[in-house]
Amino acid sequence: MKIALIAHDTKKELMVQICIAYKGILSKHTLIGTGGTSHVVSEASGLPVQAFLSGSLGGDQQIGACIAYNEVDLVLFFRDPLTVKTHEPDAASIIKLCDVHNIPVATNLATAEVLILGLERGDFDWRNIVK
C-alpha cells in the first residue's frame, strides 16, 4: 500500500511520534509525503519516505494528483485547525479528493491509529482490487 504523509508545521512532531510508534507496520508499505514532513519523519524514524515539494510550494497538489490517479491507498494528514494557513484551499482539496476517490484519510491522531491498525489487519486489502 502507498501511504501519503502530510502535516502542518505544528503537527509534524505528532506525525513523527506516530510513525515511530507504528514503524513496524509502516515499514511494510511505501511512504510518500510533502517535503518538510517527509524529511522530518525520515530523519527521526529511519523510515524511507519519498519526498515531494513542500506543501506550500505545490507538494499538496502533487499528492492530490497521486490521489486522483489512484496511486495512494491511505492518507495521514495532520492538520492544525486552529492556525490559518495561506495554502488552506490545498488542504481542503486533498480531503475532497479522498472523499471523491474513496481513499481513507485521517486528520488527527485517533483516526490515524485506527487506520494504521486496520492496515495491519488487512482491512484495506480491497484497495488492491480497486487498482
N, C-alpha and C. Protein backbone atom coordinates (compact mmCIF):
# COMPACT_ATOMS: atom_id res chain seq x y z
N MET A 1 0.84 -1.18 0.00
CA MET A 1 0.00 0.00 0.00
C MET A 1 0.88 1.25 0.00
N LYS A 2 0.38 2.28 -0.62
CA LYS A 2 1.09 3.56 -0.63
C LYS A 2 0.36 4.52 0.31
N ILE A 3 1.12 5.07 1.26
CA ILE A 3 0.56 5.94 2.29
C ILE A 3 1.16 7.33 2.15
N ALA A 4 0.30 8.34 2.08
CA ALA A 4 0.75 9.73 1.99
C ALA A 4 0.77 10.34 3.39
N LEU A 5 1.86 11.02 3.70
CA LEU A 5 2.03 11.69 4.99
C LEU A 5 2.12 13.20 4.77
N ILE A 6 1.23 13.92 5.42
CA ILE A 6 1.21 15.39 5.34
C ILE A 6 0.95 15.90 6.74
N ALA A 7 1.70 16.93 7.16
CA ALA A 7 1.47 17.50 8.48
C ALA A 7 1.78 18.99 8.45
N HIS A 8 0.88 19.78 8.96
CA HIS A 8 1.17 21.19 9.14
C HIS A 8 2.31 21.33 10.15
N ASP A 9 2.99 22.46 10.13
CA ASP A 9 4.19 22.64 10.96
C ASP A 9 3.96 22.30 12.43
N THR A 10 2.84 22.72 12.99
CA THR A 10 2.59 22.47 14.41
C THR A 10 2.23 21.01 14.69
N LYS A 11 2.05 20.21 13.66
CA LYS A 11 1.67 18.80 13.83
C LYS A 11 2.76 17.83 13.35
N LYS A 12 3.89 18.36 12.90
CA LYS A 12 4.96 17.49 12.40
C LYS A 12 5.50 16.56 13.49
N GLU A 13 5.66 17.06 14.70
CA GLU A 13 6.17 16.22 15.79
C GLU A 13 5.18 15.09 16.09
N LEU A 14 3.91 15.35 16.01
CA LEU A 14 2.91 14.32 16.21
C LEU A 14 3.02 13.25 15.11
N MET A 15 3.25 13.68 13.88
CA MET A 15 3.43 12.73 12.78
C MET A 15 4.67 11.87 13.03
N VAL A 16 5.73 12.49 13.49
CA VAL A 16 6.95 11.73 13.81
C VAL A 16 6.66 10.69 14.88
N GLN A 17 5.95 11.08 15.92
CA GLN A 17 5.66 10.17 17.02
C GLN A 17 4.83 8.98 16.56
N ILE A 18 3.83 9.20 15.72
CA ILE A 18 3.00 8.07 15.28
C ILE A 18 3.79 7.16 14.33
N CYS A 19 4.66 7.76 13.53
CA CYS A 19 5.47 6.95 12.61
C CYS A 19 6.49 6.11 13.38
N ILE A 20 7.02 6.63 14.46
CA ILE A 20 7.93 5.85 15.30
C ILE A 20 7.15 4.75 16.03
N ALA A 21 6.01 5.11 16.58
CA ALA A 21 5.20 4.13 17.33
C ALA A 21 4.75 2.97 16.45
N TYR A 22 4.44 3.24 15.19
CA TYR A 22 3.94 2.21 14.28
C TYR A 22 4.93 1.90 13.16
N LYS A 23 6.20 2.07 13.45
CA LYS A 23 7.25 1.85 12.45
C LYS A 23 7.19 0.43 11.88
N GLY A 24 6.92 -0.55 12.73
CA GLY A 24 6.84 -1.93 12.27
C GLY A 24 5.79 -2.15 11.20
N ILE A 25 4.67 -1.48 11.32
CA ILE A 25 3.59 -1.59 10.34
C ILE A 25 3.91 -0.75 9.11
N LEU A 26 4.29 0.50 9.33
CA LEU A 26 4.53 1.42 8.22
C LEU A 26 5.70 1.00 7.34
N SER A 27 6.68 0.32 7.92
CA SER A 27 7.87 -0.09 7.16
C SER A 27 7.53 -1.11 6.07
N LYS A 28 6.37 -1.73 6.15
CA LYS A 28 5.95 -2.72 5.15
C LYS A 28 5.27 -2.07 3.95
N HIS A 29 5.14 -0.75 3.98
CA HIS A 29 4.41 -0.03 2.95
C HIS A 29 5.28 1.07 2.35
N THR A 30 4.85 1.61 1.23
CA THR A 30 5.53 2.72 0.57
C THR A 30 4.99 4.02 1.14
N LEU A 31 5.89 4.87 1.60
CA LEU A 31 5.50 6.16 2.18
C LEU A 31 5.91 7.29 1.26
N ILE A 32 5.00 8.22 1.06
CA ILE A 32 5.29 9.45 0.33
C ILE A 32 4.84 10.61 1.20
N GLY A 33 5.33 11.80 0.92
CA GLY A 33 4.89 12.94 1.71
C GLY A 33 5.37 14.26 1.17
N THR A 34 4.79 15.31 1.71
CA THR A 34 5.25 16.65 1.36
C THR A 34 6.66 16.83 1.91
N GLY A 35 7.39 17.77 1.34
CA GLY A 35 8.81 17.93 1.63
C GLY A 35 9.20 17.96 3.09
N GLY A 36 8.67 18.91 3.83
CA GLY A 36 9.05 19.06 5.23
C GLY A 36 8.68 17.85 6.06
N THR A 37 7.48 17.36 5.87
CA THR A 37 7.02 16.20 6.62
C THR A 37 7.88 14.98 6.31
N SER A 38 8.17 14.75 5.05
CA SER A 38 8.98 13.60 4.64
C SER A 38 10.35 13.62 5.30
N HIS A 39 10.99 14.77 5.27
CA HIS A 39 12.34 14.88 5.82
C HIS A 39 12.35 14.67 7.34
N VAL A 40 11.41 15.28 8.02
CA VAL A 40 11.35 15.17 9.48
C VAL A 40 11.06 13.72 9.89
N VAL A 41 10.10 13.09 9.24
CA VAL A 41 9.74 11.71 9.57
C VAL A 41 10.89 10.76 9.27
N SER A 42 11.47 10.90 8.10
CA SER A 42 12.56 10.01 7.71
C SER A 42 13.76 10.14 8.64
N GLU A 43 14.11 11.37 8.97
CA GLU A 43 15.26 11.61 9.85
C GLU A 43 15.03 11.06 11.25
N ALA A 44 13.84 11.25 11.78
CA ALA A 44 13.56 10.84 13.16
C ALA A 44 13.28 9.35 13.29
N SER A 45 12.64 8.75 12.27
CA SER A 45 12.20 7.35 12.39
C SER A 45 13.07 6.36 11.63
N GLY A 46 13.80 6.86 10.65
CA GLY A 46 14.57 5.96 9.80
C GLY A 46 13.75 5.33 8.70
N LEU A 47 12.47 5.65 8.62
CA LEU A 47 11.61 5.13 7.56
C LEU A 47 11.92 5.86 6.24
N PRO A 48 11.98 5.13 5.14
CA PRO A 48 12.16 5.81 3.85
C PRO A 48 10.85 6.47 3.42
N VAL A 49 10.92 7.75 3.12
CA VAL A 49 9.73 8.49 2.69
C VAL A 49 10.09 9.26 1.43
N GLN A 50 9.39 8.98 0.34
CA GLN A 50 9.63 9.71 -0.91
C GLN A 50 9.12 11.13 -0.73
N ALA A 51 10.00 12.10 -0.88
CA ALA A 51 9.64 13.50 -0.64
C ALA A 51 9.18 14.18 -1.92
N PHE A 52 8.04 14.84 -1.82
CA PHE A 52 7.57 15.72 -2.87
C PHE A 52 7.97 17.15 -2.47
N LEU A 53 7.44 18.13 -3.16
CA LEU A 53 7.71 19.52 -2.80
C LEU A 53 7.09 19.84 -1.44
N SER A 54 7.53 20.92 -0.85
CA SER A 54 6.89 21.42 0.36
C SER A 54 5.42 21.69 0.04
N GLY A 55 4.56 21.51 1.05
CA GLY A 55 3.13 21.71 0.82
C GLY A 55 2.78 23.05 0.22
N SER A 56 3.38 24.10 0.74
CA SER A 56 3.06 25.45 0.25
C SER A 56 3.64 25.73 -1.13
N LEU A 57 4.57 24.88 -1.58
CA LEU A 57 5.18 25.07 -2.90
C LEU A 57 4.62 24.11 -3.94
N GLY A 58 3.56 23.40 -3.59
CA GLY A 58 2.91 22.51 -4.56
C GLY A 58 2.91 21.04 -4.17
N GLY A 59 3.52 20.69 -3.05
CA GLY A 59 3.54 19.29 -2.61
C GLY A 59 2.16 18.74 -2.35
N ASP A 60 1.28 19.57 -1.78
CA ASP A 60 -0.11 19.14 -1.55
C ASP A 60 -0.76 18.79 -2.89
N GLN A 61 -0.48 19.59 -3.90
CA GLN A 61 -1.07 19.35 -5.21
C GLN A 61 -0.49 18.10 -5.86
N GLN A 62 0.81 17.85 -5.63
CA GLN A 62 1.41 16.64 -6.17
C GLN A 62 0.76 15.40 -5.56
N ILE A 63 0.55 15.43 -4.25
CA ILE A 63 -0.11 14.30 -3.59
C ILE A 63 -1.56 14.20 -4.05
N GLY A 64 -2.21 15.35 -4.22
CA GLY A 64 -3.57 15.35 -4.75
C GLY A 64 -3.65 14.68 -6.12
N ALA A 65 -2.66 14.92 -6.96
CA ALA A 65 -2.62 14.27 -8.28
C ALA A 65 -2.47 12.76 -8.14
N CYS A 66 -1.64 12.33 -7.20
CA CYS A 66 -1.48 10.88 -6.96
C CYS A 66 -2.80 10.27 -6.50
N ILE A 67 -3.53 10.99 -5.66
CA ILE A 67 -4.84 10.50 -5.20
C ILE A 67 -5.79 10.40 -6.39
N ALA A 68 -5.81 11.42 -7.23
CA ALA A 68 -6.72 11.45 -8.38
C ALA A 68 -6.42 10.32 -9.36
N TYR A 69 -5.15 9.91 -9.46
CA TYR A 69 -4.76 8.83 -10.36
C TYR A 69 -4.75 7.47 -9.66
N ASN A 70 -5.36 7.39 -8.48
CA ASN A 70 -5.50 6.13 -7.74
C ASN A 70 -4.14 5.52 -7.38
N GLU A 71 -3.17 6.37 -7.07
CA GLU A 71 -1.83 5.90 -6.72
C GLU A 71 -1.57 5.95 -5.22
N VAL A 72 -2.56 6.36 -4.45
CA VAL A 72 -2.43 6.44 -2.99
C VAL A 72 -3.55 5.62 -2.37
N ASP A 73 -3.21 4.85 -1.34
CA ASP A 73 -4.19 3.98 -0.71
C ASP A 73 -4.71 4.51 0.62
N LEU A 74 -3.94 5.39 1.26
CA LEU A 74 -4.30 5.89 2.58
C LEU A 74 -3.59 7.22 2.80
N VAL A 75 -4.24 8.16 3.43
CA VAL A 75 -3.64 9.47 3.69
C VAL A 75 -3.69 9.78 5.18
N LEU A 76 -2.55 10.14 5.73
CA LEU A 76 -2.47 10.68 7.09
C LEU A 76 -2.15 12.15 6.95
N PHE A 77 -3.12 13.00 7.25
CA PHE A 77 -2.98 14.44 7.05
C PHE A 77 -3.28 15.13 8.37
N PHE A 78 -2.22 15.40 9.13
CA PHE A 78 -2.39 16.05 10.43
C PHE A 78 -2.46 17.56 10.22
N ARG A 79 -3.67 18.07 10.31
CA ARG A 79 -3.94 19.49 10.10
C ARG A 79 -3.97 20.22 11.44
N ASP A 80 -3.63 21.48 11.38
CA ASP A 80 -3.78 22.34 12.55
C ASP A 80 -5.02 23.19 12.31
N PRO A 81 -6.15 22.83 12.89
CA PRO A 81 -7.39 23.56 12.60
C PRO A 81 -7.46 24.93 13.26
N LEU A 82 -6.52 25.23 14.16
CA LEU A 82 -6.58 26.50 14.89
C LEU A 82 -5.68 27.59 14.32
N THR A 83 -4.86 27.25 13.34
CA THR A 83 -3.96 28.23 12.75
C THR A 83 -4.31 28.42 11.29
N VAL A 84 -4.45 29.67 10.85
CA VAL A 84 -4.79 29.97 9.47
C VAL A 84 -3.56 29.72 8.59
N LYS A 85 -3.76 28.98 7.49
CA LYS A 85 -2.68 28.70 6.53
C LYS A 85 -2.98 29.43 5.23
N THR A 86 -1.91 29.88 4.58
CA THR A 86 -2.10 30.54 3.29
C THR A 86 -2.51 29.54 2.22
N HIS A 87 -2.14 28.27 2.40
CA HIS A 87 -2.50 27.26 1.41
C HIS A 87 -3.60 26.33 1.91
N GLU A 88 -4.50 26.85 2.74
CA GLU A 88 -5.62 26.07 3.28
C GLU A 88 -6.52 25.48 2.18
N PRO A 89 -6.73 26.18 1.06
CA PRO A 89 -7.53 25.56 -0.01
C PRO A 89 -6.91 24.25 -0.51
N ASP A 90 -5.58 24.13 -0.48
CA ASP A 90 -4.93 22.90 -0.89
C ASP A 90 -5.28 21.77 0.07
N ALA A 91 -5.35 22.08 1.35
CA ALA A 91 -5.71 21.08 2.35
C ALA A 91 -7.14 20.60 2.11
N ALA A 92 -8.03 21.51 1.86
CA ALA A 92 -9.43 21.13 1.61
C ALA A 92 -9.55 20.29 0.34
N SER A 93 -8.74 20.59 -0.66
CA SER A 93 -8.83 19.82 -1.90
C SER A 93 -8.33 18.39 -1.72
N ILE A 94 -7.35 18.18 -0.87
CA ILE A 94 -6.87 16.81 -0.61
C ILE A 94 -7.97 16.00 0.05
N ILE A 95 -8.61 16.58 1.03
CA ILE A 95 -9.70 15.88 1.72
C ILE A 95 -10.85 15.60 0.74
N LYS A 96 -11.16 16.56 -0.10
CA LYS A 96 -12.21 16.38 -1.10
C LYS A 96 -11.85 15.25 -2.06
N LEU A 97 -10.60 15.23 -2.53
CA LEU A 97 -10.16 14.17 -3.44
C LEU A 97 -10.26 12.79 -2.78
N CYS A 98 -9.90 12.72 -1.51
CA CYS A 98 -10.02 11.45 -0.79
C CYS A 98 -11.48 11.01 -0.73
N ASP A 99 -12.38 11.94 -0.51
CA ASP A 99 -13.80 11.61 -0.48
C ASP A 99 -14.29 11.14 -1.86
N VAL A 100 -13.88 11.85 -2.90
CA VAL A 100 -14.31 11.51 -4.25
C VAL A 100 -13.81 10.14 -4.67
N HIS A 101 -12.56 9.81 -4.31
CA HIS A 101 -11.93 8.58 -4.78
C HIS A 101 -11.90 7.46 -3.73
N ASN A 102 -12.66 7.64 -2.66
CA ASN A 102 -12.77 6.62 -1.61
C ASN A 102 -11.42 6.21 -1.03
N ILE A 103 -10.62 7.20 -0.70
CA ILE A 103 -9.32 6.95 -0.07
C ILE A 103 -9.48 7.25 1.41
N PRO A 104 -9.17 6.29 2.27
CA PRO A 104 -9.25 6.55 3.72
C PRO A 104 -8.28 7.67 4.10
N VAL A 105 -8.77 8.62 4.90
CA VAL A 105 -7.94 9.76 5.32
C VAL A 105 -8.14 10.01 6.81
N ALA A 106 -7.02 10.26 7.48
CA ALA A 106 -7.06 10.61 8.90
C ALA A 106 -6.52 12.03 9.05
N THR A 107 -7.24 12.84 9.82
CA THR A 107 -6.78 14.21 10.05
C THR A 107 -6.38 14.44 11.51
N ASN A 108 -6.40 13.37 12.30
CA ASN A 108 -5.99 13.51 13.70
C ASN A 108 -5.40 12.18 14.18
N LEU A 109 -4.80 12.21 15.35
CA LEU A 109 -4.11 11.05 15.90
C LEU A 109 -5.04 9.86 16.10
N ALA A 110 -6.23 10.08 16.65
CA ALA A 110 -7.14 8.98 16.94
C ALA A 110 -7.51 8.21 15.67
N THR A 111 -7.86 8.94 14.64
CA THR A 111 -8.25 8.30 13.38
C THR A 111 -7.05 7.63 12.72
N ALA A 112 -5.90 8.26 12.81
CA ALA A 112 -4.68 7.68 12.22
C ALA A 112 -4.37 6.32 12.85
N GLU A 113 -4.50 6.24 14.16
CA GLU A 113 -4.23 4.96 14.83
C GLU A 113 -5.22 3.89 14.38
N VAL A 114 -6.48 4.24 14.25
CA VAL A 114 -7.48 3.28 13.80
C VAL A 114 -7.14 2.79 12.39
N LEU A 115 -6.77 3.72 11.50
CA LEU A 115 -6.44 3.33 10.12
C LEU A 115 -5.18 2.47 10.06
N ILE A 116 -4.17 2.83 10.83
CA ILE A 116 -2.92 2.05 10.81
C ILE A 116 -3.17 0.64 11.35
N LEU A 117 -3.92 0.51 12.40
CA LEU A 117 -4.23 -0.82 12.94
C LEU A 117 -5.10 -1.61 11.96
N GLY A 118 -5.99 -0.94 11.27
CA GLY A 118 -6.78 -1.59 10.23
C GLY A 118 -5.91 -2.05 9.07
N LEU A 119 -4.92 -1.26 8.76
CA LEU A 119 -3.96 -1.62 7.71
C LEU A 119 -3.25 -2.92 8.07
N GLU A 120 -2.85 -3.03 9.33
CA GLU A 120 -2.17 -4.24 9.79
C GLU A 120 -3.08 -5.47 9.73
N ARG A 121 -4.37 -5.27 10.02
CA ARG A 121 -5.33 -6.38 9.99
C ARG A 121 -5.72 -6.79 8.58
N GLY A 122 -5.41 -5.95 7.60
CA GLY A 122 -5.80 -6.26 6.22
C GLY A 122 -7.12 -5.65 5.82
N ASP A 123 -7.61 -4.70 6.61
CA ASP A 123 -8.90 -4.07 6.31
C ASP A 123 -8.92 -3.29 5.00
N PHE A 124 -7.75 -2.97 4.47
CA PHE A 124 -7.70 -2.17 3.24
C PHE A 124 -7.23 -2.96 2.04
N ASP A 125 -7.25 -4.28 2.15
CA ASP A 125 -6.85 -5.12 1.02
C ASP A 125 -7.76 -4.90 -0.19
N TRP A 126 -8.97 -4.40 0.02
CA TRP A 126 -9.88 -4.09 -1.07
C TRP A 126 -9.28 -3.07 -2.02
N ARG A 127 -8.33 -2.28 -1.53
CA ARG A 127 -7.69 -1.29 -2.39
C ARG A 127 -6.93 -1.97 -3.54
N ASN A 128 -6.42 -3.16 -3.32
CA ASN A 128 -5.73 -3.90 -4.38
C ASN A 128 -6.68 -4.28 -5.51
N ILE A 129 -7.93 -4.52 -5.19
CA ILE A 129 -8.95 -4.84 -6.20
C ILE A 129 -9.29 -3.59 -7.00
N VAL A 130 -9.39 -2.44 -6.32
CA VAL A 130 -9.75 -1.18 -6.98
C VAL A 130 -8.69 -0.79 -8.01
N LYS A 131 -7.45 -1.11 -7.71
CA LYS A 131 -6.36 -0.77 -8.65
C LYS A 131 -6.46 -1.64 -9.86
